[in-house]
């Protein structure tokens, strides 16, 4: 009998799966074009509101990625952390506000 997987476990698995899918087989990271494709396919709201190339540059700096560097999963996770509170605030009832402290 297969063990039941929680929604949170599925969400984590989806993040990892989509990251690796965007990078292609045997890839440890994403180049800028692969990252842009991942954003538009899986984080369309963020992609639309990022502000074009200047916004992408700011996003890369927030993740700690320098020009020309590959985007590691660790860097991608930093982006997910910053988006978690924002998405929660957008999607939850207006009476609830996320006050999570991110590491």
Protein backbone atom coordinates (compact mmCIF):
# COMPACT_ATOMS: atom_id res chain seq x y z
CA UNK A 1 0.00 0.00 0.00
CA UNK A 2 1.42 3.38 -1.04
CA UNK A 3 1.99 5.95 1.66
CA UNK A 4 -0.25 9.01 1.38
CA UNK A 5 1.61 12.18 0.51
CA UNK A 6 0.46 15.50 1.96
CA UNK A 7 -0.39 18.58 -0.09
CA UNK A 8 2.70 20.32 1.27
CA UNK A 9 4.93 17.41 0.27
CA UNK A 10 3.39 17.46 -3.22
CA UNK A 11 4.02 21.22 -3.44
CA UNK A 12 7.69 20.81 -2.51
CA UNK A 13 8.08 17.99 -5.01
CA UNK A 14 6.45 20.15 -7.69
CA UNK A 15 8.91 23.01 -7.05
CA UNK A 16 11.89 20.67 -7.45
CA UNK A 17 10.39 18.85 -10.45
CA UNK A 18 9.54 22.04 -12.34
CA UNK A 19 12.97 23.54 -11.65
CA UNK A 20 14.72 20.47 -13.05
CA UNK A 21 12.31 20.23 -15.97
CA UNK A 22 13.12 23.84 -16.90
CA UNK A 23 16.86 23.13 -16.82
CA UNK A 24 16.76 20.01 -18.92
CA UNK A 25 18.30 16.64 -18.26
CA UNK A 26 21.40 16.43 -16.06
CA UNK A 27 21.35 20.14 -15.30
CA UNK A 28 22.19 21.56 -11.89
CA UNK A 29 20.91 25.04 -12.67
CA UNK A 30 19.14 27.32 -15.10
CA UNK A 31 20.48 29.87 -17.53
CA UNK A 32 18.59 33.17 -17.84
CA UNK A 33 16.38 32.03 -20.73
CA UNK A 34 15.42 28.82 -18.93
CA UNK A 35 14.64 30.86 -15.82
CA UNK A 36 12.44 33.27 -17.80
CA UNK A 37 10.58 30.30 -19.31
CA UNK A 38 10.07 28.79 -15.86
CA UNK A 39 8.70 32.09 -14.57
CA UNK A 40 6.26 32.56 -17.43
CA UNK A 41 5.07 28.95 -17.32
CA UNK A 42 4.90 28.37 -13.56
CA UNK A 43 4.87 31.82 -11.93
CA UNK A 44 2.92 33.89 -14.46
CA UNK A 45 1.78 36.54 -11.99
CA UNK A 46 5.37 37.19 -10.96
CA UNK A 47 6.50 37.18 -14.59
CA UNK A 48 3.86 39.77 -15.53
CA UNK A 49 4.64 42.08 -12.62
CA UNK A 50 8.43 41.76 -12.60
CA UNK A 51 8.98 44.81 -14.81
CA UNK A 52 10.77 43.40 -17.85
CA UNK A 53 14.55 43.15 -18.09
CA UNK A 54 15.17 45.67 -15.28
CA UNK A 55 12.83 43.73 -13.01
CA UNK A 56 14.54 40.48 -13.94
CA UNK A 57 17.91 42.02 -13.06
CA UNK A 58 16.56 43.11 -9.66
CA UNK A 59 15.10 39.65 -9.09
CA UNK A 60 18.47 38.04 -9.91
CA UNK A 61 20.21 40.34 -7.42
CA UNK A 62 17.64 39.45 -4.76
CA UNK A 63 18.43 35.77 -5.37
CA UNK A 64 22.17 36.50 -5.10
CA UNK A 65 22.85 35.62 -8.76
CA UNK A 66 25.45 37.66 -10.64
CA UNK A 67 25.28 38.41 -14.38
CA UNK A 68 26.09 35.33 -16.40
CA UNK A 69 25.83 32.93 -13.46
CA UNK A 70 23.60 29.88 -13.50
CA UNK A 71 20.59 30.01 -11.21
CA UNK A 72 20.91 27.21 -8.66
CA UNK A 73 17.98 25.65 -6.86
CA UNK A 74 19.21 27.36 -3.70
CA UNK A 75 18.95 30.75 -5.42
CA UNK A 76 15.53 29.82 -6.81
CA UNK A 77 14.43 28.90 -3.29
CA UNK A 78 15.27 32.46 -2.14
CA UNK A 79 12.81 33.73 -4.75
CA UNK A 80 10.18 31.28 -3.50
CA UNK A 81 10.71 32.55 0.05
CA UNK A 82 10.13 36.16 -0.98
CA UNK A 83 7.05 35.21 -3.00
CA UNK A 84 5.45 33.07 -0.26
CA UNK A 85 4.25 35.97 1.88
CA UNK A 86 3.21 38.03 -1.11
CA UNK A 87 1.12 35.22 -2.62
CA UNK A 88 -0.42 34.41 0.74
CA UNK A 89 -1.49 38.03 1.17
CA UNK A 90 -2.98 38.09 -2.35
CA UNK A 91 -4.83 34.79 -2.04
CA UNK A 92 -6.01 34.78 1.57
CA UNK A 93 -8.95 36.61 3.13
CA UNK A 94 -8.20 40.29 3.69
CA UNK A 95 -8.55 39.77 7.45
CA UNK A 96 -5.41 37.60 7.48
CA UNK A 97 -1.92 39.00 6.88
CA UNK A 98 1.28 36.98 6.72
CA UNK A 99 3.82 38.09 9.30
CA UNK A 100 6.29 35.28 8.64
CA UNK A 101 9.95 36.07 9.15
CA UNK A 102 12.05 34.73 6.29
CA UNK A 103 15.58 33.52 6.94
